[in-house]
Amino acid sequence: MPASPSTARAINDRLALRLLQQEGPLTAARLKQLTGLSRPTVADLVERLTASGLVTVVGESGEQRRGPNARVYGIVADRAHLAALDVRTEGVSVVVSDLVGRVLAEASVPIGEGTGTGPAVEQAVALVERAAKEAGSLGVSPPRELVPGWGRLHTVGIGAPGLIDPASGELRNSTGLPAWHRRLVAALQERLPEARVLVENETNLAALAEQREGVARDRDTFVLLWIGHGTGAAVVLDGALRRGASGGTGEIGFLPVPGTTSLPSATDCGGGFHSLVGSAAIAELAAEHGVSARPEGYEPHAAALVRQALATAGSPAADGFLDALADRLAIGAASVSAVLDPGCVVLGGEVGQAGGAALAARVGRRLARMSPLPTEVRASPLGGGAVLRGALLTARDGAQDELFAPRSSR
């Protein structure tokens, strides 16, 4: 059945907004080219989007031709503000941006291991509130009488370790993770009642960032191996993130592997892949080979050790350590390759970024000997920052899905 006039208008509006998001400011003529719509249709949608406060004139084209220059239209970036959180066991980082991703404020706070649940939640929420106020997302809104809530914090994306219930979207109880992680989501919703709060597993968000802006932009199917303080994996098949029946796809730390002294259990990944490539395990491996280094800031000790080894590559100690680490990483890569045949494995997290192309090449050579399936190994350029970037992308997608919808459906 052909779409009704109102449905067709909504589809055209969303198409134009997506193009403005992806391509940046455009003239009406360029919108006509990209959408394939007629000139009158484009003129109508630009008028509608301008009246709704989503699009505005941001300049004029520099074309040399007779008559006035064409107007250039862009998304009204301050129509809504977004927040992204990277929640780790040792602290929280936050970024606040406008609707097109321009960073307005950012901050972080360490949360000690012995901090109680209540104080930890309060520190994290206060951090978000301070960043939002700095960005102008809380308090008095700019004078936009026709659009209530203009410039306020619209959506918060949170990346956290642990399992996300695929039915409810909530962070599930997980052994070994601080209790304040689960409490934080409810506390943010209570203190920011006008904002929508979205939660996703941290490794899944890192994979989203790699897919959109990182090393996997040309891949519809790949697996991200997260190597940081802990371990994890994210699976993207045919362009879609796969979470599994219980939200546990990618819990590779529990994968039984050779080279450990025990087997993992339902409540402890000790003896699994985590025991080979978690930060503590990598630090022990480095010590065995005589490699030492001091970590920078809150990064995993393993990242500093890998950087130091690469800086002194060619020495027996450094090469021995890097070869042994590549052997361990290849075990995980071969496992996911045998089951999923992704064609590409991305070494992510702080350790993957620190190892760069050199460590990826070492792993790739070993993987080629272990698996008959051709699998490229790439290093993440985003590292630990991929979680925060992925959370921001998720918040932006969520906000745009609501803001870009036709008024009749909101």
Protein backbone atom coordinates (compact mmCIF):
# COMPACT_ATOMS: atom_id res chain seq x y z
CA MET A 1 0.00 0.00 0.00
CA PRO A 2 1.27 3.50 -0.75
CA ALA A 3 2.18 5.59 2.27
CA SER A 4 -0.30 8.21 3.44
CA PRO A 5 0.72 11.86 2.95
CA SER A 6 1.51 12.24 6.66
CA THR A 7 3.61 9.05 6.72
CA ALA A 8 5.46 10.11 3.58
CA ARG A 9 6.23 13.49 5.14
CA ALA A 10 7.56 11.80 8.31
CA ILE A 11 9.79 9.48 6.26
CA ASN A 12 11.13 12.38 4.21
CA ASP A 13 11.79 14.47 7.30
CA ARG A 14 13.73 11.69 9.02
CA LEU A 15 15.74 11.04 5.85
CA ALA A 16 16.70 14.70 5.58
CA LEU A 17 17.65 14.88 9.26
CA ARG A 18 19.81 11.78 9.01
CA LEU A 19 21.60 13.23 6.01
CA LEU A 20 22.19 16.50 7.86
CA GLN A 21 23.56 14.49 10.79
CA GLN A 22 25.88 12.40 8.62
CA GLU A 23 26.96 14.94 6.02
CA GLY A 24 26.78 18.19 7.98
CA PRO A 25 25.05 21.39 6.84
CA LEU A 26 23.55 21.18 3.34
CA THR A 27 21.78 23.42 0.86
CA ALA A 28 18.26 22.59 -0.28
CA ALA A 29 19.68 21.75 -3.70
CA ARG A 30 22.12 19.26 -2.15
CA LEU A 31 19.31 17.73 -0.09
CA LYS A 32 17.35 17.31 -3.31
CA GLN A 33 20.29 15.48 -4.89
CA LEU A 34 20.88 13.19 -1.93
CA THR A 35 17.23 12.34 -1.25
CA GLY A 36 15.96 12.19 -4.83
CA LEU A 37 12.93 14.25 -3.79
CA SER A 38 11.42 17.02 -5.85
CA ARG A 39 12.30 20.66 -5.24
CA PRO A 40 8.84 21.54 -3.80
CA THR A 41 8.96 18.51 -1.47
CA VAL A 42 12.39 19.51 -0.16
CA ALA A 43 11.22 23.10 0.31
CA ASP A 44 8.23 21.87 2.32
CA LEU A 45 10.28 19.60 4.57
CA VAL A 46 12.87 22.31 5.24
CA GLU A 47 10.04 24.64 6.25
CA ARG A 48 8.54 22.00 8.57
CA LEU A 49 11.85 21.15 10.21
CA THR A 50 12.70 24.82 10.68
CA ALA A 51 9.33 25.51 12.29
CA SER A 52 9.79 22.54 14.65
CA GLY A 53 13.15 23.89 15.86
CA LEU A 54 15.22 21.02 14.48
CA VAL A 55 16.83 22.80 11.53
CA THR A 56 18.06 26.35 11.02
CA VAL A 57 20.02 28.40 8.52
CA VAL A 58 23.70 28.17 9.46
CA GLY A 59 25.21 30.08 6.53
CA GLU A 60 25.29 30.52 2.79
CA SER A 61 26.95 28.50 0.09
CA GLY A 62 30.08 29.95 -1.49
CA GLU A 63 29.04 29.10 -5.02
CA GLN A 64 29.90 31.71 -7.59
CA ARG A 65 26.74 32.26 -9.57
CA ARG A 66 24.18 34.94 -10.35
CA GLY A 67 21.63 35.83 -7.74
CA PRO A 68 21.78 35.33 -3.99
CA ASN A 69 23.82 32.51 -2.49
CA ALA A 70 21.90 29.41 -1.47
CA ARG A 71 21.07 29.04 2.20
CA VAL A 72 22.85 26.26 4.07
CA TYR A 73 20.75 24.34 6.60
CA GLY A 74 22.02 22.44 9.62
CA ILE A 75 20.63 20.63 12.65
CA VAL A 76 20.05 22.88 15.66
CA ALA A 77 22.76 21.40 17.84
CA ASP A 78 21.44 22.90 21.10
CA ARG A 79 17.96 21.47 20.58
CA ALA A 80 19.02 18.82 23.11
CA HIS A 81 22.07 17.90 25.14
CA LEU A 82 23.37 14.39 25.73
CA ALA A 83 25.50 12.75 28.41
CA ALA A 84 27.66 9.64 28.21
CA LEU A 85 29.11 7.72 31.16
CA ASP A 86 31.86 5.13 31.29
CA VAL A 87 31.33 3.29 34.58
CA ARG A 88 34.31 1.25 35.73
CA THR A 89 34.99 -0.56 38.98
CA GLU A 90 37.54 2.13 39.85
CA GLY A 91 35.66 5.28 38.81
CA VAL A 92 33.37 7.13 36.41
CA SER A 93 33.99 9.37 33.40
CA VAL A 94 31.35 11.59 31.80
CA VAL A 95 31.04 13.64 28.62
CA VAL A 96 28.22 16.05 27.78
CA SER A 97 27.63 17.03 24.16
CA ASP A 98 25.10 18.74 21.94
CA LEU A 99 22.88 16.91 19.47
CA VAL A 100 25.56 16.70 16.76
CA GLY A 101 28.27 15.42 19.10
CA ARG A 102 30.22 18.60 19.93
CA VAL A 103 31.68 18.10 23.42
CA LEU A 104 30.50 20.74 25.89
CA ALA A 105 31.94 19.38 29.14
CA GLU A 106 33.83 16.35 30.40
CA ALA A 107 35.02 15.13 33.78
CA SER A 108 35.97 12.02 35.74
CA VAL A 109 36.19 10.93 39.36
CA PRO A 110 37.96 7.96 40.97
CA ILE A 111 35.89 5.82 43.32
CA GLY A 112 37.95 3.80 45.77
CA GLU A 113 37.40 0.10 46.26
CA GLY A 114 36.31 0.58 49.85
CA THR A 115 33.75 3.31 49.11
CA GLY A 116 30.25 2.43 50.31
CA THR A 117 27.36 2.07 47.89
CA GLY A 118 25.62 5.30 48.91
CA PRO A 119 28.71 7.55 48.79
CA ALA A 120 29.84 5.98 45.50
CA VAL A 121 26.47 6.63 43.86
CA GLU A 122 26.44 10.20 45.17
CA GLN A 123 29.93 10.88 43.77
CA ALA A 124 28.94 9.58 40.36
CA VAL A 125 25.62 11.42 40.17
CA ALA A 126 27.20 14.66 41.41
CA LEU A 127 29.83 14.33 38.67
CA VAL A 128 27.12 14.09 36.00
CA GLU A 129 25.24 17.07 37.46
CA ARG A 130 28.39 19.22 37.55
CA ALA A 131 29.25 18.40 33.94
CA ALA A 132 25.67 19.05 32.83
CA LYS A 133 25.59 22.43 34.59
CA GLU A 134 28.92 23.37 33.03
CA ALA A 135 27.45 22.54 29.62
CA GLY A 136 24.30 24.55 30.33
CA SER A 137 22.15 21.41 30.33
CA LEU A 138 20.69 22.01 33.80
CA GLY A 139 19.15 25.11 35.30
CA VAL A 140 17.47 27.86 33.27
CA SER A 141 16.99 26.92 29.61
CA PRO A 142 17.70 29.36 26.77
CA PRO A 143 14.63 31.41 25.77
CA ARG A 144 12.90 29.08 23.29
CA GLU A 145 9.24 29.48 24.22
CA LEU A 146 7.95 27.27 21.44
CA VAL A 147 10.06 24.27 22.44
CA PRO A 148 9.94 23.50 26.19
CA GLY A 149 13.11 21.93 27.56
CA TRP A 150 15.33 23.44 24.86
CA GLY A 151 18.97 22.70 25.48
CA ARG A 152 18.35 20.49 28.50
CA LEU A 153 19.82 17.07 29.11
CA HIS A 154 17.66 14.79 26.98
CA THR A 155 19.34 11.34 27.02
CA VAL A 156 22.06 9.70 29.09
CA GLY A 157 23.99 6.72 27.70
CA ILE A 158 25.80 4.51 30.21
CA GLY A 159 28.46 1.92 29.51
CA ALA A 160 29.03 -0.53 32.37
CA PRO A 161 30.64 -3.94 32.87
CA GLY A 162 28.33 -6.88 33.41
CA LEU A 163 25.19 -8.28 31.79
CA ILE A 164 22.34 -6.15 30.46
CA ASP A 165 18.97 -7.89 30.58
CA PRO A 166 17.76 -7.96 26.94
CA ALA A 167 14.12 -7.81 28.02
CA SER A 168 14.24 -4.96 30.54
CA GLY A 169 17.43 -3.19 29.43
CA GLU A 170 18.58 -3.12 33.06
CA LEU A 171 21.99 -3.98 34.47
CA ARG A 172 21.79 -7.40 36.10
CA ASN A 173 23.35 -8.50 39.36
CA SER A 174 26.86 -9.73 38.60
CA THR A 175 29.31 -11.36 40.99
CA GLY A 176 32.46 -9.32 41.49
CA LEU A 177 31.00 -5.97 40.42
CA PRO A 178 30.32 -3.14 42.90
CA ALA A 179 26.73 -2.82 44.13
CA TRP A 180 26.74 0.89 43.31
CA HIS A 181 26.75 0.13 39.57
CA ARG A 182 23.12 -1.03 39.62
CA ARG A 183 22.04 1.70 42.04
CA LEU A 184 23.55 4.38 39.84
CA VAL A 185 21.02 3.97 37.03
CA ALA A 186 18.02 4.44 39.34
CA ALA A 187 19.72 7.37 41.09
CA LEU A 188 20.36 9.16 37.80
CA GLN A 189 16.77 8.66 36.70
CA GLU A 190 15.55 10.07 40.02
CA ARG A 191 17.83 13.13 39.97
CA LEU A 192 17.35 13.75 36.23
CA PRO A 193 13.64 12.96 35.79
CA GLU A 194 13.40 14.70 32.41
CA ALA A 195 16.24 12.67 30.91
CA ARG A 196 16.04 9.23 29.33
CA VAL A 197 18.66 6.81 30.69
CA LEU A 198 20.01 4.01 28.46
CA VAL A 199 22.38 1.29 29.71
CA GLU A 200 24.59 -1.01 27.63
CA ASN A 201 27.49 -3.35 28.26
CA GLU A 202 30.78 -1.47 27.97
CA THR A 203 32.33 -3.82 25.41
CA ASN A 204 29.25 -3.64 23.20
CA LEU A 205 29.52 0.15 23.23
CA ALA A 206 33.20 -0.07 22.32
CA ALA A 207 32.27 -2.23 19.34
CA LEU A 208 29.64 0.32 18.27
CA ALA A 209 32.28 3.05 18.35
CA GLU A 210 34.73 0.93 16.34
CA GLN A 211 31.99 0.17 13.81
CA ARG A 212 30.94 3.81 13.39
CA GLU A 213 34.19 5.72 13.86
CA GLY A 214 37.05 3.29 14.42
CA VAL A 215 38.93 0.51 12.73
CA ALA A 216 35.87 -1.59 11.75
CA ARG A 217 34.05 1.01 9.65
CA ASP A 218 34.41 -1.18 6.55
CA ARG A 219 33.21 -4.36 8.26
CA ASP A 220 29.64 -5.62 8.64
CA THR A 221 30.86 -8.62 10.65
CA PHE A 222 33.64 -8.58 13.25
CA VAL A 223 34.46 -9.46 16.85
CA LEU A 224 36.00 -7.02 19.31
CA LEU A 225 38.27 -8.56 21.94
CA TRP A 226 38.41 -6.14 24.86
CA ILE A 227 41.72 -6.29 26.73
CA GLY A 228 41.92 -3.82 29.59
CA HIS A 229 41.63 -4.23 33.35
CA GLY A 230 39.40 -7.18 32.50
CA THR A 231 38.44 -9.05 29.35
CA GLY A 232 35.36 -9.22 27.18
CA ALA A 233 34.15 -9.51 23.64
CA ALA A 234 31.48 -7.96 21.45
CA VAL A 235 29.99 -9.65 18.40
CA VAL A 236 28.73 -7.74 15.35
CA LEU A 237 27.16 -9.95 12.67
CA ASP A 238 25.75 -8.56 9.43
CA GLY A 239 25.94 -5.04 10.83
CA ALA A 240 23.98 -5.81 14.01
CA LEU A 241 25.24 -6.14 17.57
CA ARG A 242 24.37 -9.58 18.97
CA ARG A 243 23.59 -9.77 22.69
CA GLY A 244 22.40 -13.37 23.11
CA ALA A 245 19.41 -14.86 24.95
CA SER A 246 20.47 -13.55 28.35
CA GLY A 247 22.63 -10.61 27.26
CA GLY A 248 25.80 -12.62 27.78
CA THR A 249 27.25 -12.84 24.30
CA GLY A 250 30.93 -11.98 24.57
CA GLU A 251 31.60 -13.11 28.16
CA ILE A 252 34.86 -14.53 26.87
CA GLY A 253 36.59 -14.20 30.23
CA PHE A 254 34.75 -17.40 31.23
CA LEU A 255 35.95 -19.31 28.16
CA PRO A 256 37.83 -22.46 29.25
CA VAL A 257 41.26 -22.39 27.61
CA PRO A 258 44.55 -24.27 27.81
CA GLY A 259 47.35 -22.73 29.80
CA THR A 260 45.46 -22.15 33.06
CA THR A 261 45.61 -24.21 36.26
CA SER A 262 41.84 -24.56 36.80
CA LEU A 263 38.45 -24.11 35.15
CA PRO A 264 36.10 -21.14 35.47
CA SER A 265 32.86 -21.42 37.43
CA ALA A 266 29.45 -19.79 37.16
CA THR A 267 30.58 -17.13 39.64
CA ASP A 268 34.29 -16.77 38.89
CA CYS A 269 36.12 -16.42 35.57
CA GLY A 270 39.39 -17.52 37.19
CA GLY A 271 40.77 -20.34 35.10
CA GLY A 272 39.15 -18.96 31.96
CA PHE A 273 40.53 -16.71 29.20
CA HIS A 274 40.60 -13.85 31.73
CA SER A 275 43.34 -15.72 33.61
CA LEU A 276 45.54 -15.43 30.53
CA VAL A 277 44.97 -11.87 29.34
CA GLY A 278 43.48 -9.86 32.21
CA SER A 279 45.70 -6.97 33.27
CA ALA A 280 47.01 -8.81 36.34
CA ALA A 281 47.85 -11.89 34.26
CA ILE A 282 49.70 -9.78 31.69
CA ALA A 283 51.63 -8.05 34.48
CA GLU A 284 52.73 -11.45 35.82
CA LEU A 285 53.78 -12.51 32.33
CA ALA A 286 55.82 -9.32 31.89
CA ALA A 287 57.56 -9.88 35.23
CA GLU A 288 58.52 -13.39 34.14
CA HIS A 289 60.28 -11.89 31.11
CA GLY A 290 61.87 -8.99 32.96
CA VAL A 291 59.69 -6.22 31.50
CA SER A 292 58.62 -3.41 33.85
CA ALA A 293 56.81 -0.08 33.48
CA ARG A 294 54.66 2.36 35.44
CA PRO A 295 51.05 2.88 34.31
CA GLU A 296 49.85 6.36 33.37
CA GLY A 297 46.86 7.65 35.32
CA TYR A 298 44.12 5.06 35.76
CA GLU A 299 45.08 2.91 32.80
CA PRO A 300 45.64 -0.83 33.28
CA HIS A 301 49.20 -1.72 34.24
CA ALA A 302 49.24 -4.11 31.26
CA ALA A 303 48.93 -1.22 28.78
CA ALA A 304 52.08 0.44 30.10
CA LEU A 305 53.94 -2.88 30.00
CA VAL A 306 52.99 -3.52 26.38
CA ARG A 307 54.04 0.02 25.39
CA GLN A 308 57.37 -0.42 27.13
CA ALA A 309 57.97 -3.75 25.41
CA LEU A 310 57.24 -2.26 22.01
CA ALA A 311 59.57 0.66 22.75
CA THR A 312 62.38 -1.81 23.43
CA ALA A 313 61.42 -4.35 20.76
CA GLY A 314 64.39 -6.37 19.58
CA SER A 315 65.62 -7.15 23.06
CA PRO A 316 65.16 -10.76 24.26
CA ALA A 317 63.01 -9.66 27.20
CA ALA A 318 60.63 -7.50 25.17
CA ASP A 319 60.28 -9.92 22.27
CA GLY A 320 59.80 -12.87 24.60
CA PHE A 321 57.03 -11.05 26.46
CA LEU A 322 55.27 -9.87 23.28
CA ASP A 323 55.46 -13.32 21.69
CA ALA A 324 54.04 -14.98 24.80
CA LEU A 325 51.23 -12.42 25.01
CA ALA A 326 50.43 -12.89 21.32
CA ASP A 327 50.24 -16.66 21.91
CA ARG A 328 47.63 -16.08 24.62
CA LEU A 329 45.58 -13.59 22.62
CA ALA A 330 45.60 -15.92 19.62
CA ILE A 331 43.85 -18.59 21.72
CA GLY A 332 40.86 -16.29 22.26
CA ALA A 333 40.91 -15.08 18.67
CA ALA A 334 41.00 -18.64 17.34
CA SER A 335 38.07 -19.61 19.55
CA VAL A 336 35.77 -16.88 18.27
CA SER A 337 36.99 -17.45 14.73
CA ALA A 338 36.11 -21.16 14.87
CA VAL A 339 32.59 -20.49 16.16
CA LEU A 340 31.64 -17.28 14.34
CA ASP A 341 33.97 -16.95 11.34
CA PRO A 342 33.89 -13.14 11.64
CA GLY A 343 36.73 -12.50 9.18
CA CYS A 344 38.03 -9.74 11.45
CA VAL A 345 39.05 -9.56 15.10
CA VAL A 346 39.71 -6.16 16.67
CA LEU A 347 42.05 -5.96 19.66
CA GLY A 348 40.36 -3.31 21.76
CA GLY A 349 40.67 -1.74 25.17
CA GLU A 350 43.73 0.02 26.51
CA VAL A 351 46.00 -2.97 25.88
CA GLY A 352 44.81 -3.40 22.29
CA GLN A 353 45.47 0.27 21.62
CA ALA A 354 48.88 0.14 23.32
CA GLY A 355 49.89 -2.90 21.29
CA GLY A 356 48.86 -1.26 18.04
CA ALA A 357 49.60 -2.78 14.65
CA ALA A 358 52.75 -4.55 15.92
CA LEU A 359 50.91 -6.68 18.48
CA ALA A 360 47.99 -7.23 16.08
CA ALA A 361 50.42 -8.54 13.47
CA ARG A 362 51.96 -10.97 15.98
CA VAL A 363 48.51 -12.27 16.90
CA GLY A 364 47.49 -12.45 13.25
CA ARG A 365 50.44 -14.65 12.31
CA ARG A 366 49.68 -17.09 15.11
CA LEU A 367 45.99 -17.12 14.30
CA ALA A 368 46.74 -17.97 10.67
CA ARG A 369 48.64 -21.06 11.86
CA MET A 370 45.86 -22.10 14.26
CA SER A 371 42.75 -21.57 12.16
CA PRO A 372 41.84 -22.52 8.57
CA LEU A 373 39.46 -19.54 8.44
CA PRO A 374 41.02 -16.32 7.09
CA THR A 375 40.74 -13.76 9.89
CA GLU A 376 42.29 -10.31 9.88
CA VAL A 377 43.50 -8.95 13.22
CA ARG A 378 43.35 -5.18 13.71
CA ALA A 379 44.27 -2.88 16.59
CA SER A 380 41.78 -0.42 18.02
CA PRO A 381 42.68 3.26 17.55
CA LEU A 382 40.12 4.26 20.20
CA GLY A 383 41.28 2.07 23.08
CA GLY A 384 39.56 2.67 26.41
CA GLY A 385 37.92 5.82 25.06
CA ALA A 386 35.74 3.67 22.82
CA VAL A 387 33.29 3.01 25.67
CA LEU A 388 32.59 6.68 26.27
CA ARG A 389 32.33 7.33 22.54
CA GLY A 390 29.95 4.42 22.09
CA ALA A 391 27.80 5.62 24.99
CA LEU A 392 27.58 9.06 23.39
CA LEU A 393 26.58 7.55 20.04
CA THR A 394 23.89 5.49 21.78
CA ALA A 395 22.56 8.56 23.57
CA ARG A 396 22.52 10.50 20.29
CA ASP A 397 20.68 7.72 18.49
CA GLY A 398 18.11 7.51 21.27
CA ALA A 399 17.54 11.27 21.34
CA GLN A 400 17.25 11.53 17.59
CA ASP A 401 14.79 8.64 17.39
CA GLU A 402 12.47 10.65 19.62
CA LEU A 403 13.18 14.18 18.43
CA PHE A 404 13.12 13.30 14.75
CA ALA A 405 9.82 11.42 15.00
CA PRO A 406 6.68 13.12 13.62
CA ARG A 407 4.85 15.17 16.22
CA SER A 408 1.74 13.02 16.00
CA SER A 409 3.68 9.99 17.29
CA ARG A 410 5.33 11.73 20.27
